[in-house]
Amino acid sequence: MKDSDANLYTLGNAQKFGWSSVSGLLNAERVTYLERYLTGKRILDAGCGGGAFVEFLAAKGFEVTGVDKFEQFLDIARQQQPHGNYLCSDLTDLPFADKTFECTYCYDVLEHIDDIKAIRELARVTSQRLIITVPKEDEVMTKYNLTFLHYQDKTHLRNYTESSLDALSSIIKPQRIKIFPELPVALKPILTDFVQYPKFYRLLLKVMLKPLPFPQIYTGLVAIIDL
């Protein structure tokens, strides 16, 4: 990310694209990754934004440090989420000793920055596990000249496929990598919302669609990386 692009990282953009770390409306799917995959007690939130995930874990007794490059988000974190520790720093050059944290999670950050430098730094300061989420390359909707909201985010430098995320994760030579898709799109409700007919026909369409198999379209990927 270029310093000249910093004006894109505003509170308005964070709200537009639904950053839950700022809004405090934590995505339930993302919460389950923390509940299922966190290891140890010393945790790093790499790219913590407004700190809502930090607060969530601090309330559960974890020792959580949130790092973000932008002070405007850290100001929100310190005001609204007072239980975590917050530090302004670039993820490609973290001010921590090797293996300071037992587990690091990094939600929706690597697509914004030099992901190779960043993942090496995250692995350097972490002893056990990385939990990473990134936007998945759109392999479906572009065929119909359509897209989803987060693909319009001008701060993104790239999207990922499972193979490209695996290749990135392999740079740090981990013990194992588990990659799976996340954030499925609710296609059936979208289709019924588009129908401009009286309520009876909308209900009829819902009944007709219910038994039909719909392919899952995911907009994100998760990597669980054991170091």
Protein backbone atom coordinates (compact mmCIF):
# COMPACT_ATOMS: atom_id res chain seq x y z
CA MET A 1 0.00 0.00 0.00
CA LYS A 2 1.31 3.45 -0.94
CA ASP A 3 1.25 6.25 1.62
CA SER A 4 -0.58 8.34 -0.99
CA ASP A 5 -3.49 5.90 -0.73
CA ALA A 6 -3.93 6.52 3.00
CA ASN A 7 -6.89 8.82 2.33
CA LEU A 8 -8.82 5.70 1.27
CA TYR A 9 -8.53 4.30 4.79
CA THR A 10 -11.21 6.45 6.35
CA LEU A 11 -13.93 5.83 8.89
CA GLY A 12 -16.47 6.40 6.11
CA ASN A 13 -14.97 3.65 3.96
CA ALA A 14 -14.77 1.32 6.95
CA GLN A 15 -18.48 1.83 7.56
CA LYS A 16 -19.36 1.50 3.87
CA PHE A 17 -17.62 -1.85 3.55
CA GLY A 18 -18.86 -3.14 6.90
CA TRP A 19 -15.64 -3.46 8.90
CA SER A 20 -16.93 -5.25 11.97
CA SER A 21 -13.86 -4.26 13.99
CA VAL A 22 -15.12 -0.67 13.69
CA SER A 23 -18.89 -1.21 13.86
CA GLY A 24 -18.68 -3.70 16.72
CA LEU A 25 -21.12 -6.02 14.90
CA LEU A 26 -18.88 -9.06 14.91
CA ASN A 27 -19.42 -11.53 12.09
CA ALA A 28 -20.56 -14.77 13.73
CA GLU A 29 -18.56 -16.87 11.28
CA ARG A 30 -15.37 -15.00 12.13
CA VAL A 31 -16.05 -15.42 15.84
CA THR A 32 -16.21 -19.20 15.40
CA TYR A 33 -12.68 -19.22 13.94
CA LEU A 34 -11.39 -17.61 17.13
CA GLU A 35 -13.38 -19.95 19.33
CA ARG A 36 -12.24 -23.01 17.39
CA TYR A 37 -8.68 -22.26 16.35
CA LEU A 38 -7.08 -19.88 18.85
CA THR A 39 -4.18 -21.38 20.78
CA GLY A 40 -2.44 -20.03 23.86
CA LYS A 41 -3.21 -16.86 25.81
CA ARG A 42 -0.95 -14.23 24.21
CA ILE A 43 -2.74 -13.13 21.04
CA LEU A 44 -1.99 -10.59 18.30
CA ASP A 45 -4.76 -8.96 16.28
CA ALA A 46 -2.82 -7.93 13.17
CA GLY A 47 -4.76 -5.09 11.57
CA CYS A 48 -7.19 -4.58 14.44
CA GLY A 49 -9.08 -1.57 13.04
CA GLY A 50 -11.51 -0.33 15.68
CA GLY A 51 -10.62 -3.13 18.08
CA ALA A 52 -13.95 -4.94 18.43
CA PHE A 53 -12.37 -8.40 18.11
CA VAL A 54 -9.68 -7.39 20.60
CA GLU A 55 -12.37 -6.42 23.09
CA PHE A 56 -14.24 -9.68 22.48
CA LEU A 57 -11.19 -11.77 23.33
CA ALA A 58 -9.98 -9.55 26.18
CA ALA A 59 -13.35 -10.02 27.86
CA LYS A 60 -12.70 -13.77 27.73
CA GLY A 61 -9.38 -13.43 29.53
CA PHE A 62 -6.92 -13.46 26.63
CA GLU A 63 -3.90 -11.13 26.60
CA VAL A 64 -4.61 -9.37 23.30
CA THR A 65 -2.54 -6.76 21.49
CA GLY A 66 -4.10 -4.95 18.55
CA VAL A 67 -1.86 -3.46 15.86
CA ASP A 68 -2.97 -1.13 13.08
CA LYS A 69 -1.18 1.30 10.80
CA PHE A 70 -3.84 4.00 11.04
CA GLU A 71 -4.26 6.08 14.15
CA GLN A 72 -7.85 7.06 13.28
CA PHE A 73 -8.92 3.46 13.86
CA LEU A 74 -6.79 3.05 16.95
CA ASP A 75 -8.40 6.18 18.40
CA ILE A 76 -11.77 4.44 18.09
CA ALA A 77 -10.33 1.29 19.63
CA ARG A 78 -8.89 3.10 22.64
CA GLN A 79 -12.11 5.03 23.24
CA GLN A 80 -14.61 2.23 22.75
CA GLN A 81 -12.59 -0.91 23.48
CA PRO A 82 -10.47 -0.02 26.53
CA HIS A 83 -9.46 -3.52 27.63
CA GLY A 84 -6.97 -4.38 24.91
CA ASN A 85 -3.46 -3.08 24.26
CA TYR A 86 -3.08 -1.05 21.07
CA LEU A 87 -0.07 -0.07 19.03
CA CYS A 88 0.38 1.83 15.77
CA SER A 89 2.66 -0.18 13.48
CA ASP A 90 3.09 -1.50 9.96
CA LEU A 91 2.52 -5.27 9.73
CA THR A 92 5.55 -5.61 7.46
CA ASP A 93 7.84 -4.34 10.24
CA LEU A 94 6.46 -5.28 13.65
CA PRO A 95 8.19 -4.01 16.84
CA PHE A 96 8.05 -7.35 18.67
CA ALA A 97 10.64 -9.96 19.51
CA ASP A 98 10.50 -13.37 17.85
CA LYS A 99 7.66 -15.61 19.09
CA THR A 100 6.13 -12.92 21.31
CA PHE A 101 2.62 -14.25 20.67
CA GLU A 102 1.29 -17.78 20.70
CA CYS A 103 -1.40 -17.09 18.11
CA THR A 104 -2.03 -14.30 15.59
CA TYR A 105 -5.18 -13.62 13.60
CA CYS A 106 -5.25 -11.29 10.63
CA TYR A 107 -8.69 -10.55 9.21
CA ASP A 108 -8.97 -8.89 5.78
CA VAL A 109 -5.56 -7.21 5.80
CA LEU A 110 -3.12 -9.05 3.54
CA GLU A 111 -4.99 -7.95 0.41
CA HIS A 112 -4.14 -4.34 1.30
CA ILE A 113 -0.37 -4.65 1.76
CA ASP A 114 2.82 -6.47 0.74
CA ASP A 115 1.49 -9.88 1.73
CA ILE A 116 4.82 -11.69 1.46
CA LYS A 117 6.61 -9.35 3.88
CA ALA A 118 3.59 -9.31 6.16
CA ILE A 119 3.13 -13.07 6.47
CA ARG A 120 6.84 -13.48 7.19
CA GLU A 121 6.58 -10.92 9.99
CA LEU A 122 3.44 -12.53 11.40
CA ALA A 123 5.20 -15.90 11.43
CA ARG A 124 8.29 -14.39 13.05
CA VAL A 125 6.40 -12.96 16.05
CA THR A 126 4.11 -16.01 16.48
CA SER A 127 5.02 -19.39 17.97
CA GLN A 128 2.03 -21.62 17.27
CA ARG A 129 -0.65 -20.58 14.76
CA LEU A 130 -1.80 -17.95 12.27
CA ILE A 131 -5.49 -17.45 11.42
CA ILE A 132 -5.86 -15.47 8.20
CA THR A 133 -8.84 -14.36 6.12
CA VAL A 134 -8.66 -12.79 2.66
CA PRO A 135 -11.12 -12.00 -0.15
CA LYS A 136 -11.67 -14.87 -2.56
CA GLU A 137 -11.22 -14.27 -6.27
CA ASP A 138 -14.63 -13.89 -7.92
CA GLU A 139 -14.90 -16.83 -10.30
CA VAL A 140 -18.67 -16.72 -10.82
CA MET A 141 -20.39 -13.33 -10.85
CA THR A 142 -18.04 -11.56 -13.25
CA LYS A 143 -19.32 -13.87 -16.00
CA TYR A 144 -22.64 -12.03 -15.67
CA ASN A 145 -21.06 -8.57 -15.41
CA LEU A 146 -21.98 -8.45 -11.70
CA THR A 147 -19.96 -8.09 -8.52
CA PHE A 148 -20.34 -7.91 -4.73
CA LEU A 149 -19.70 -4.87 -2.57
CA HIS A 150 -16.29 -5.75 -1.17
CA TYR A 151 -14.86 -6.24 -4.66
CA GLN A 152 -15.41 -2.49 -5.13
CA ASP A 153 -13.04 -1.63 -2.28
CA LYS A 154 -10.27 0.43 -3.91
CA THR A 155 -7.88 -0.35 -1.05
CA HIS A 156 -7.58 -3.99 -2.20
CA LEU A 157 -4.42 -4.79 -4.15
CA ARG A 158 -5.46 -8.37 -4.94
CA ASN A 159 -7.90 -11.21 -4.35
CA TYR A 160 -6.93 -14.84 -3.73
CA THR A 161 -7.64 -18.33 -4.95
CA GLU A 162 -7.11 -21.37 -2.75
CA SER A 163 -3.92 -22.15 -4.66
CA SER A 164 -2.50 -18.62 -4.38
CA LEU A 165 -3.30 -18.49 -0.64
CA ASP A 166 -1.65 -21.88 -0.20
CA ALA A 167 1.43 -20.64 -2.08
CA LEU A 168 1.61 -17.53 0.11
CA SER A 169 1.21 -19.58 3.30
CA SER A 170 3.90 -22.04 2.17
CA ILE A 171 6.52 -19.26 2.07
CA ILE A 172 6.91 -19.48 5.85
CA LYS A 173 7.37 -23.28 5.72
CA PRO A 174 4.63 -24.17 8.21
CA GLN A 175 3.93 -27.60 9.65
CA ARG A 176 0.46 -27.67 8.07
CA ILE A 177 -2.00 -25.44 6.24
CA LYS A 178 -5.77 -25.75 6.23
CA ILE A 179 -7.66 -23.58 3.74
CA PHE A 180 -11.43 -23.35 3.35
CA PRO A 181 -13.97 -20.88 1.90
CA GLU A 182 -16.05 -18.50 4.00
CA LEU A 183 -18.82 -15.90 3.79
CA PRO A 184 -21.34 -17.62 1.50
CA VAL A 185 -23.75 -15.45 -0.45
CA ALA A 186 -27.45 -16.04 0.29
CA LEU A 187 -28.62 -16.52 -3.29
CA LYS A 188 -32.20 -17.57 -2.63
CA PRO A 189 -33.15 -14.45 -0.62
CA ILE A 190 -31.51 -12.28 -3.29
CA LEU A 191 -33.61 -13.89 -6.02
CA THR A 192 -36.87 -13.50 -4.12
CA ASP A 193 -36.08 -9.87 -3.26
CA PHE A 194 -35.64 -9.09 -6.94
CA VAL A 195 -39.12 -10.32 -7.85
CA GLN A 196 -41.39 -7.30 -8.34
CA TYR A 197 -44.71 -9.09 -8.00
CA PRO A 198 -47.45 -9.14 -5.36
CA LYS A 199 -46.66 -10.79 -2.05
CA PHE A 200 -48.44 -14.03 -3.00
CA TYR A 201 -46.10 -14.61 -5.95
CA ARG A 202 -43.05 -13.81 -3.88
CA LEU A 203 -44.14 -16.41 -1.33
CA LEU A 204 -44.82 -18.90 -4.12
CA LEU A 205 -41.33 -18.34 -5.51
CA LYS A 206 -39.81 -18.99 -2.07
CA VAL A 207 -41.69 -22.29 -1.87
CA MET A 208 -40.56 -23.27 -5.37
CA LEU A 209 -36.92 -22.38 -4.69
CA LYS A 210 -36.70 -24.09 -1.31
CA PRO A 211 -36.10 -27.67 -2.51
CA LEU A 212 -33.80 -26.67 -5.37
CA PRO A 213 -30.06 -27.19 -4.91
CA PHE A 214 -28.14 -23.93 -5.22
CA PRO A 215 -24.36 -23.75 -5.62
CA GLN A 216 -22.55 -22.00 -2.80
CA ILE A 217 -20.80 -18.80 -3.81
CA TYR A 218 -18.18 -17.73 -1.30
CA THR A 219 -16.50 -14.32 -1.14
CA GLY A 220 -13.70 -15.14 1.27
CA LEU A 221 -11.02 -17.67 2.17
CA VAL A 222 -9.59 -18.75 5.52
CA ALA A 223 -6.13 -20.17 6.19
CA ILE A 224 -5.28 -21.91 9.46
CA ILE A 225 -1.50 -22.14 9.51
CA ASP A 226 0.33 -24.21 12.14
CA LEU A 227 3.91 -23.05 12.57
